[in-house]
Amino acid sequence: MHPILGRLGRLASYLAVWTVAAVLMAGALTRLDLAWAEALAFLVPLFVVYAFACLSAWYVCRAFPLRGDRLLLVLTSCGLAALTASAVWIVVARAWIAVLGSTPAFAAASTRYDQQLPLLFVAGVLLFLLASAVHYALLALEAVRNAERQRFELEGLTREAELRALRAQLNPHFLYNSLNSISALTAVDPAGARRMCLLLGDFLRSTLSVSGQEQIRLADELALADRFLGIEQIRFGARLQVERRIDPSAAECRVPPLILQPLVENAVVHGIAGLVEGGVIRLDIARRNGSLSIAIENPRDGDEPAAVTRGTGLNNVRRRLAVMFGPDARLETHVEPGSFRAQLELPWSAND
């Protein structure tokens, strides 16, 4: 639909502009032997009619897009359309002069009206060309808006595809480490290996229910992390201890699904697994200054290089945060001689 006809407010504004143009034209005709009443009675109805006729410029402009290689064709088509519209307008003007001439109030002005028709024809051509320029501007604006909308849609699809790809990396990476753990247990603890397989299957079923969601409750995310730790505690036993300090008000905060699992896995694989005596993984979660702060700290072998800060799991988390939150979320890591700390900052979001 025509952009002006699509909304009543736009049509009213459009007709108001043409009415003002009619008044200005009437002012010019008063200098050519016409009184104000005669000029307004003659021009205002004609300009309202021509306002609707000039809406046809929209379709001419759409049929002949403004491009550098078609400039001559565009000028020719707009010029012919302007001449045609103005000629039709003159025919309508002659009919309107006949109507006015049949009334006693304007009968004497009929001859003076006829004398203004050449001027009216020229004005009609110029007005149609001006309407064409305005419609080309509207088409350009519409093209910009469409391009902007397509860009946002493409960015959304790209973002969704990247998130899906990043989520798809979680389970293979986790399964690789879990299967290594099960393999290590089969020789020394077959019953433990069987229990781990059952817990692993339960954990994977739980992840399926949340993997398609963009965000879940922190309480549900912590439950998934606890199931993972339950799997690893079969392998490490008393060597793996967990201390939690969690702000109760943070339970309803919304977080990306499986955002903690790579961090906890990193603490186990690159921390506890490298220490004969094991150690304690400390989980500290609090709400600070409108954001959710999550810290996971684990002991580490002081002689081990700090390459874990660039591990697959941590890089996956960083990329997911960048895609979902941009600069509003971050993951920082701090390496000390005997400890490793992952600090996760997320925007606070809840269903309250």
Protein backbone atom coordinates (compact mmCIF):
# COMPACT_ATOMS: atom_id res chain seq x y z
CA MET A 1 0.00 0.00 0.00
CA HIS A 2 1.05 3.59 -0.61
CA PRO A 3 2.94 4.84 2.49
CA ILE A 4 0.80 8.00 2.70
CA LEU A 5 -2.53 6.21 2.24
CA GLY A 6 -1.53 3.59 4.80
CA ARG A 7 -2.05 5.93 7.76
CA LEU A 8 -4.79 8.51 8.31
CA GLY A 9 -2.42 10.90 10.07
CA ARG A 10 -0.01 10.92 7.14
CA LEU A 11 -2.86 11.53 4.67
CA ALA A 12 -4.16 14.44 6.77
CA SER A 13 -0.69 16.01 6.92
CA TYR A 14 -0.25 15.49 3.19
CA LEU A 15 -3.54 17.20 2.34
CA ALA A 16 -2.72 20.02 4.77
CA VAL A 17 0.51 20.71 2.85
CA TRP A 18 -1.38 20.82 -0.44
CA THR A 19 -3.98 23.16 1.08
CA VAL A 20 -1.21 25.52 2.14
CA ALA A 21 0.20 25.33 -1.40
CA ALA A 22 -3.24 26.22 -2.76
CA VAL A 23 -3.45 29.27 -0.49
CA LEU A 24 0.01 30.40 -1.60
CA MET A 25 -0.97 29.95 -5.24
CA ALA A 26 -4.18 31.86 -4.59
CA GLY A 27 -2.11 34.71 -3.18
CA ALA A 28 -0.19 34.81 -6.46
CA LEU A 29 -3.41 34.86 -8.50
CA THR A 30 -4.78 37.79 -6.52
CA ARG A 31 -2.10 39.86 -8.26
CA LEU A 32 -3.59 38.77 -11.60
CA ASP A 33 -7.07 40.35 -11.35
CA LEU A 34 -8.62 37.66 -9.07
CA ALA A 35 -10.09 38.36 -5.66
CA TRP A 36 -9.13 36.16 -2.70
CA ALA A 37 -12.55 34.47 -2.62
CA GLU A 38 -12.39 33.79 -6.36
CA ALA A 39 -8.85 32.42 -6.19
CA LEU A 40 -9.53 30.19 -3.20
CA ALA A 41 -12.78 28.83 -4.64
CA PHE A 42 -10.93 28.03 -7.84
CA LEU A 43 -7.69 26.55 -6.47
CA VAL A 44 -8.41 24.75 -3.17
CA PRO A 45 -10.68 22.04 -4.69
CA LEU A 46 -8.32 21.64 -7.66
CA PHE A 47 -5.26 21.27 -5.42
CA VAL A 48 -7.00 18.66 -3.26
CA VAL A 49 -7.85 16.67 -6.39
CA TYR A 50 -4.30 17.05 -7.73
CA ALA A 51 -2.89 15.98 -4.37
CA PHE A 52 -4.44 12.57 -4.92
CA ALA A 53 -3.32 12.55 -8.57
CA CYS A 54 0.29 13.15 -7.48
CA LEU A 55 0.16 10.05 -5.29
CA SER A 56 0.50 8.12 -8.57
CA ALA A 57 4.14 9.32 -8.63
CA TRP A 58 4.81 6.58 -6.05
CA TYR A 59 4.05 3.89 -8.61
CA VAL A 60 6.02 5.63 -11.34
CA CYS A 61 9.01 5.82 -9.01
CA ARG A 62 8.71 2.16 -8.08
CA ALA A 63 8.45 1.15 -11.74
CA PHE A 64 11.57 3.18 -12.62
CA PRO A 65 14.05 2.97 -9.71
CA LEU A 66 16.55 5.77 -9.43
CA ARG A 67 19.88 4.35 -10.60
CA GLY A 68 22.83 5.97 -12.28
CA ASP A 69 22.66 3.76 -15.38
CA ARG A 70 18.95 4.55 -15.87
CA LEU A 71 18.96 8.26 -15.13
CA LEU A 72 17.76 9.27 -18.61
CA LEU A 73 14.92 6.74 -18.47
CA VAL A 74 13.91 7.97 -15.02
CA LEU A 75 13.88 11.61 -16.14
CA THR A 76 11.90 10.77 -19.27
CA SER A 77 9.31 8.68 -17.44
CA CYS A 78 8.83 11.27 -14.69
CA GLY A 79 8.59 14.08 -17.25
CA LEU A 80 5.96 12.25 -19.34
CA ALA A 81 4.00 11.36 -16.19
CA ALA A 82 4.13 15.01 -15.06
CA LEU A 83 2.91 16.29 -18.44
CA THR A 84 0.11 13.71 -18.51
CA ALA A 85 -1.02 14.41 -14.94
CA SER A 86 -0.94 18.16 -15.47
CA ALA A 87 -2.92 17.85 -18.74
CA VAL A 88 -5.59 15.81 -16.99
CA TRP A 89 -5.58 18.42 -14.21
CA ILE A 90 -6.28 21.16 -16.78
CA VAL A 91 -9.25 19.16 -18.09
CA VAL A 92 -10.57 18.91 -14.53
CA ALA A 93 -9.91 22.64 -14.06
CA ARG A 94 -11.95 23.50 -17.18
CA ALA A 95 -14.83 21.41 -15.82
CA TRP A 96 -14.53 23.16 -12.45
CA ILE A 97 -14.52 26.57 -14.17
CA ALA A 98 -17.77 25.59 -15.91
CA VAL A 99 -19.28 24.66 -12.55
CA LEU A 100 -18.15 27.93 -10.96
CA GLY A 101 -19.34 29.90 -14.00
CA SER A 102 -22.84 28.52 -13.53
CA THR A 103 -23.08 30.22 -10.13
CA PRO A 104 -23.92 33.92 -9.89
CA ALA A 105 -21.11 34.63 -7.42
CA PHE A 106 -18.32 33.47 -9.77
CA ALA A 107 -19.90 33.87 -13.23
CA ALA A 108 -17.96 37.05 -13.91
CA ALA A 109 -14.65 35.37 -13.06
CA SER A 110 -14.91 32.60 -15.67
CA THR A 111 -12.91 34.48 -18.27
CA ARG A 112 -10.20 35.38 -15.78
CA TYR A 113 -10.04 31.72 -14.69
CA ASP A 114 -9.42 30.63 -18.30
CA GLN A 115 -6.52 33.05 -18.51
CA GLN A 116 -4.77 31.25 -15.60
CA LEU A 117 -4.82 27.76 -17.18
CA PRO A 118 -1.33 28.01 -18.83
CA LEU A 119 0.14 29.04 -15.47
CA LEU A 120 -1.79 26.23 -13.80
CA PHE A 121 -0.41 23.71 -16.33
CA VAL A 122 3.19 24.74 -15.61
CA ALA A 123 2.53 24.59 -11.86
CA GLY A 124 1.03 21.13 -12.29
CA VAL A 125 4.15 19.83 -14.06
CA LEU A 126 6.44 21.28 -11.40
CA LEU A 127 4.29 19.98 -8.56
CA PHE A 128 4.24 16.46 -9.99
CA LEU A 129 8.02 16.50 -10.44
CA LEU A 130 8.37 17.69 -6.83
CA ALA A 131 6.06 14.89 -5.72
CA SER A 132 8.22 12.42 -7.66
CA ALA A 133 11.35 13.68 -5.87
CA VAL A 134 9.61 13.26 -2.51
CA HIS A 135 8.50 9.75 -3.43
CA TYR A 136 12.03 8.80 -4.50
CA ALA A 137 13.19 10.03 -1.09
CA LEU A 138 10.51 7.88 0.57
CA LEU A 139 11.62 4.86 -1.46
CA ALA A 140 15.24 5.46 -0.44
CA LEU A 141 14.18 5.69 3.20
CA GLU A 142 12.17 2.49 2.85
CA ALA A 143 15.19 0.74 1.30
CA VAL A 144 17.40 1.88 4.18
CA ARG A 145 14.89 0.62 6.72
CA ASN A 146 14.56 -2.72 4.93
CA ALA A 147 18.33 -3.09 4.80
CA GLU A 148 18.56 -2.24 8.49
CA ARG A 149 15.84 -4.75 9.36
CA GLN A 150 17.51 -7.43 7.27
CA ARG A 151 20.83 -6.67 8.95
CA PHE A 152 19.27 -7.09 12.40
CA GLU A 153 17.56 -10.31 11.30
CA LEU A 154 20.85 -11.61 9.89
CA GLU A 155 22.67 -10.66 13.08
CA GLY A 156 20.02 -12.49 15.09
CA LEU A 157 20.31 -15.61 12.93
CA THR A 158 24.11 -15.44 13.08
CA ARG A 159 23.99 -15.05 16.85
CA GLU A 160 21.61 -17.98 17.22
CA ALA A 161 23.73 -20.17 14.94
CA GLU A 162 26.89 -19.31 16.88
CA LEU A 163 25.20 -20.06 20.20
CA ARG A 164 24.02 -23.41 18.90
CA ALA A 165 27.52 -24.21 17.70
CA LEU A 166 28.99 -23.25 21.07
CA ARG A 167 26.42 -25.34 22.92
CA ALA A 168 27.15 -28.24 20.62
CA GLN A 169 30.78 -28.11 21.79
CA LEU A 170 29.84 -28.62 25.44
CA ASN A 171 28.74 -32.23 25.46
CA PRO A 172 31.55 -33.63 23.23
CA HIS A 173 34.16 -31.85 25.34
CA PHE A 174 32.55 -33.01 28.57
CA LEU A 175 32.00 -36.54 27.28
CA TYR A 176 35.65 -36.82 26.30
CA ASN A 177 36.75 -36.10 29.87
CA SER A 178 33.99 -38.24 31.41
CA LEU A 179 34.79 -41.25 29.23
CA ASN A 180 38.44 -40.90 30.23
CA SER A 181 37.33 -41.00 33.86
CA ILE A 182 35.16 -44.07 33.28
CA SER A 183 38.02 -45.77 31.45
CA ALA A 184 40.35 -45.09 34.38
CA LEU A 185 37.82 -46.57 36.81
CA THR A 186 37.04 -49.78 34.93
CA ALA A 187 40.31 -51.39 36.02
CA VAL A 188 40.29 -50.33 39.68
CA ASP A 189 36.60 -49.86 40.50
CA PRO A 190 34.21 -51.54 38.01
CA ALA A 191 31.20 -50.87 40.24
CA GLY A 192 32.13 -47.20 40.42
CA ALA A 193 32.49 -47.12 36.64
CA ARG A 194 28.97 -48.53 36.29
CA ARG A 195 27.59 -45.95 38.74
CA MET A 196 29.37 -43.22 36.83
CA CYS A 197 27.79 -44.41 33.57
CA LEU A 198 24.33 -44.24 35.17
CA LEU A 199 24.98 -40.79 36.59
CA LEU A 200 26.40 -39.65 33.27
CA GLY A 201 23.25 -40.78 31.45
CA ASP A 202 21.10 -38.96 34.02
CA PHE A 203 23.20 -35.81 33.65
CA LEU A 204 22.95 -35.85 29.86
CA ARG A 205 19.17 -36.30 30.03
CA SER A 206 19.00 -33.27 32.30
CA THR A 207 21.07 -31.17 29.91
CA LEU A 208 18.72 -32.01 27.02
CA SER A 209 15.82 -30.31 28.83
CA VAL A 210 17.70 -27.00 29.13
CA SER A 211 20.02 -26.94 26.11
CA GLY A 212 17.35 -25.40 23.89
CA GLN A 213 16.62 -22.54 26.29
CA GLU A 214 18.44 -19.24 26.14
CA GLN A 215 18.43 -18.76 29.93
CA ILE A 216 17.47 -20.80 32.98
CA ARG A 217 17.25 -20.19 36.73
CA LEU A 218 20.55 -20.17 38.58
CA ALA A 219 19.09 -22.77 40.96
CA ASP A 220 18.60 -25.16 38.02
CA GLU A 221 22.09 -24.43 36.72
CA LEU A 222 23.54 -25.20 40.16
CA ALA A 223 21.63 -28.49 40.21
CA LEU A 224 23.29 -29.46 36.92
CA ALA A 225 26.70 -28.52 38.32
CA ASP A 226 26.02 -30.66 41.40
CA ARG A 227 25.18 -33.65 39.19
CA PHE A 228 28.44 -33.20 37.36
CA LEU A 229 30.34 -33.02 40.65
CA GLY A 230 28.50 -36.15 41.79
CA ILE A 231 29.90 -37.96 38.76
CA GLU A 232 33.43 -36.77 39.46
CA GLN A 233 33.23 -37.62 43.17
CA ILE A 234 32.86 -41.29 42.24
CA ARG A 235 36.28 -41.08 40.65
CA PHE A 236 38.06 -38.89 43.19
CA GLY A 237 36.21 -39.82 46.37
CA ALA A 238 37.39 -37.84 49.39
CA ARG A 239 39.96 -36.03 47.26
CA LEU A 240 37.20 -33.86 45.85
CA GLN A 241 35.50 -31.53 48.31
CA VAL A 242 33.13 -28.68 47.54
CA GLU A 243 32.39 -25.60 49.61
CA ARG A 244 29.49 -23.36 48.67
CA ARG A 245 28.68 -19.83 49.70
CA ILE A 246 25.59 -18.82 47.76
CA ASP A 247 23.41 -15.76 48.21
CA PRO A 248 19.82 -17.11 48.51
CA SER A 249 18.46 -14.14 46.57
CA ALA A 250 20.52 -15.20 43.53
CA ALA A 251 18.64 -18.45 43.00
CA GLU A 252 16.07 -16.88 40.66
CA CYS A 253 18.59 -15.02 38.52
CA ARG A 254 18.56 -16.10 34.87
CA VAL A 255 21.80 -17.44 33.41
CA PRO A 256 22.76 -19.19 30.16
CA PRO A 257 22.35 -22.98 30.49
CA LEU A 258 25.51 -24.97 31.18
CA ILE A 259 27.55 -21.84 31.79
CA LEU A 260 28.94 -23.19 35.09
CA GLN A 261 29.65 -26.75 33.98
CA PRO A 262 32.80 -25.89 31.94
CA LEU A 263 34.14 -23.83 34.87
CA VAL A 264 33.53 -26.59 37.38
CA GLU A 265 34.97 -29.14 34.96
CA ASN A 266 38.05 -26.98 34.52
CA ALA A 267 38.47 -26.85 38.31
CA VAL A 268 38.29 -30.64 38.55
CA VAL A 269 40.39 -31.60 35.52
CA HIS A 270 43.11 -28.95 35.83
CA GLY A 271 43.01 -28.60 39.60
CA ILE A 272 41.92 -31.56 41.71
CA ALA A 273 43.07 -34.20 39.22
CA GLY A 274 46.64 -32.89 39.33
CA LEU A 275 46.98 -33.11 43.12
CA VAL A 276 47.61 -36.37 44.93
CA GLU A 277 45.87 -35.14 48.05
CA GLY A 278 43.05 -33.49 46.11
CA GLY A 279 41.53 -30.33 47.46
CA VAL A 280 38.50 -28.10 47.86
CA ILE A 281 36.57 -26.36 45.10
CA ARG A 282 35.02 -23.18 46.47
CA LEU A 283 31.91 -21.74 44.85
CA ASP A 284 31.01 -18.18 45.80
CA ILE A 285 27.85 -16.61 44.29
CA ALA A 286 26.49 -13.19 45.22
CA ARG A 287 24.55 -10.25 43.83
CA ARG A 288 26.70 -7.14 43.57
CA ASN A 289 25.77 -3.74 42.10
CA GLY A 290 23.05 -5.06 39.82
CA SER A 291 25.10 -7.98 38.51
CA LEU A 292 25.56 -11.63 39.37
CA SER A 293 29.05 -12.50 40.55
CA ILE A 294 30.17 -16.14 40.41
CA ALA A 295 33.61 -17.18 41.59
CA ILE A 296 34.98 -20.72 41.34
CA GLU A 297 38.32 -21.32 43.02
CA ASN A 298 40.35 -24.54 43.04
CA PRO A 299 43.81 -25.57 44.21
CA ARG A 300 46.43 -26.32 41.58
CA ASP A 301 49.91 -27.66 41.29
CA GLY A 302 52.21 -24.66 41.57
CA ASP A 303 54.66 -26.23 39.14
CA GLU A 304 52.03 -26.63 36.41
CA PRO A 305 52.02 -23.95 33.66
CA ALA A 306 49.07 -21.56 33.58
CA ALA A 307 47.87 -22.64 30.11
CA VAL A 308 44.49 -23.64 31.54
CA THR A 309 43.41 -20.01 31.27
CA ARG A 310 43.11 -20.63 27.53
CA GLY A 311 41.40 -24.02 27.71
CA THR A 312 38.53 -25.10 25.50
CA GLY A 313 35.91 -24.81 28.25
CA LEU A 314 36.95 -21.30 29.31
CA ASN A 315 37.16 -20.05 25.73
CA ASN A 316 33.71 -21.48 25.08
CA VAL A 317 32.31 -19.58 28.05
CA ARG A 318 33.95 -16.33 26.94
CA ARG A 319 32.57 -16.63 23.42
CA ARG A 320 29.07 -17.40 24.66
CA LEU A 321 29.16 -14.37 26.95
CA ALA A 322 30.37 -12.15 24.13
CA VAL A 323 27.58 -13.34 21.81
CA MET A 324 24.79 -13.08 24.39
CA PHE A 325 25.76 -10.03 26.44
CA GLY A 326 28.57 -8.22 24.65
CA PRO A 327 30.59 -6.04 27.05
CA ASP A 328 28.00 -6.43 29.84
CA ALA A 329 29.42 -9.82 30.90
CA ARG A 330 32.94 -11.12 31.33
CA LEU A 331 35.00 -14.03 32.56
CA GLU A 332 38.29 -13.26 34.27
CA THR A 333 40.85 -15.77 35.50
CA HIS A 334 43.43 -15.32 38.23
CA VAL A 335 46.35 -17.71 38.61
CA GLU A 336 48.29 -17.93 41.85
CA PRO A 337 51.12 -20.37 42.67
CA GLY A 338 48.75 -22.71 44.50
CA SER A 339 45.30 -21.75 43.26
CA PHE A 340 43.22 -20.85 40.23
CA ARG A 341 40.16 -18.59 40.32
CA ALA A 342 37.55 -18.05 37.61
CA GLN A 343 35.46 -14.90 38.15
CA LEU A 344 32.24 -14.68 36.15
CA GLU A 345 30.19 -11.46 35.99
CA LEU A 346 26.70 -11.53 34.44
CA PRO A 347 23.95 -8.91 34.11
CA TRP A 348 21.28 -9.46 36.74
CA SER A 349 18.12 -10.81 35.14
CA ALA A 350 15.18 -12.39 36.95
CA ASN A 351 11.48 -13.02 36.43
CA ASP A 352 10.45 -10.70 39.24
